[in-house]
Protein backbone atom coordinates (compact mmCIF):
# COMPACT_ATOMS: atom_id res chain seq x y z
CA MET A 1 27.11 162.81 29.10
CA ILE A 2 24.30 161.68 26.08
CA LYS A 3 26.08 161.95 22.57
CA SER A 4 23.87 164.03 20.07
CA ASN A 5 22.84 163.40 16.79
CA THR A 6 23.18 166.66 15.59
CA SER A 7 26.35 168.80 14.80
CA ILE A 8 27.30 172.71 14.83
CA SER A 9 25.87 172.89 10.92
CA GLN A 10 23.22 171.91 11.72
CA VAL A 11 22.09 173.63 14.55
CA LYS A 12 23.02 176.69 12.61
CA LYS A 13 20.81 176.07 10.08
CA ILE A 14 17.89 175.55 12.45
CA ILE A 15 18.76 178.94 13.90
CA ALA A 16 19.11 180.62 10.52
CA GLU A 17 15.60 179.42 9.84
CA MET A 18 14.23 180.71 12.72
CA ASN A 19 16.09 184.32 12.39
CA LEU A 20 13.76 187.25 12.56
CA LYS A 21 10.82 185.08 14.08
CA THR A 22 9.17 185.10 17.26
CA VAL A 23 10.70 182.26 19.92
CA GLU A 24 10.49 181.35 22.91
CA VAL A 25 13.83 181.38 25.46
CA THR A 26 14.39 179.00 28.03
CA VAL A 27 17.24 179.20 29.80
CA ASN A 28 18.48 176.25 31.85
CA LEU A 29 20.92 178.54 35.14
CA GLY A 30 21.56 175.39 36.78
CA ARG A 31 20.42 173.86 40.48
CA ASN A 32 16.84 173.06 38.81
CA LYS A 33 16.17 176.97 37.88
CA TYR A 34 15.25 177.83 34.64
CA ALA A 35 14.69 181.18 32.81
CA ARG A 36 12.18 181.78 30.46
CA PHE A 37 11.02 184.92 28.30
CA GLN A 38 10.17 185.75 24.39
CA GLY A 39 11.20 187.33 22.03
CA VAL A 40 12.42 187.82 18.55
CA LEU A 41 15.55 185.75 16.92
CA SER A 42 16.96 189.41 16.25
CA GLY A 43 20.18 188.32 14.32
CA VAL A 44 22.13 185.11 13.69
CA TYR A 45 26.25 184.97 13.60
CA PRO A 46 29.15 183.11 12.88
CA ALA A 47 29.42 182.21 16.39
CA LEU A 48 26.45 182.93 18.24
CA PHE A 49 22.80 184.53 17.75
CA THR A 50 20.67 186.80 19.54
CA VAL A 51 17.24 186.96 20.89
CA LYS A 52 15.68 190.75 22.09
CA PRO A 53 13.62 190.19 24.37
CA PHE A 54 9.85 191.78 24.38
CA ASP A 55 10.18 192.76 28.35
CA LYS A 56 12.22 196.00 28.29
CA ASP A 57 13.33 195.62 31.55
CA TYR A 58 14.97 192.02 30.97
CA ARG A 59 17.96 191.82 32.45
CA GLY A 60 19.06 188.04 31.74
CA LYS A 61 21.74 187.59 28.94
CA THR A 62 20.17 187.46 25.21
CA SER A 63 23.13 186.32 23.21
CA TYR A 64 24.54 182.17 23.29
CA SER A 65 26.28 180.15 21.69
CA TYR A 66 25.50 177.68 18.98
CA SER A 67 26.95 174.74 21.84
CA GLU A 68 24.55 176.09 24.51
CA TYR A 69 22.07 175.17 22.35
CA LEU A 70 23.00 171.72 21.04
CA CYS A 71 24.03 171.29 24.97
CA GLY A 72 20.54 171.80 26.11
CA LYS A 73 21.03 174.52 28.18
CA VAL A 74 19.13 176.66 25.50
CA ARG A 75 15.73 176.02 24.11
CA LEU A 76 13.92 177.78 21.15
CA LYS A 77 10.63 177.31 20.99
CA GLU A 78 8.94 178.94 17.95
CA THR A 79 5.85 180.63 18.51
CA ALA A 80 3.05 182.22 16.59
CA SER A 81 4.38 185.75 15.65
CA GLY A 82 3.50 188.85 16.82
CA ALA A 83 2.22 187.05 20.60
CA LYS A 84 3.96 188.97 23.25
């Protein structure tokens, strides 16, 4: 395991800056499988954050913990607002 140089508090600040912005989410599902979707970072809470997908039929997980982001299981990339 590679030790990360960031802490949970730094991750919370990074994600809080993206609140209510359009993001592209990439989730590592294991065994070289990834789920990728775009949405709005709709909620930032003390233990987790939520993303509201643009695709109404998306049935995957939309709430993630900060540790999932820190470990690399979830990646967020800010995109141009309004891009769907």
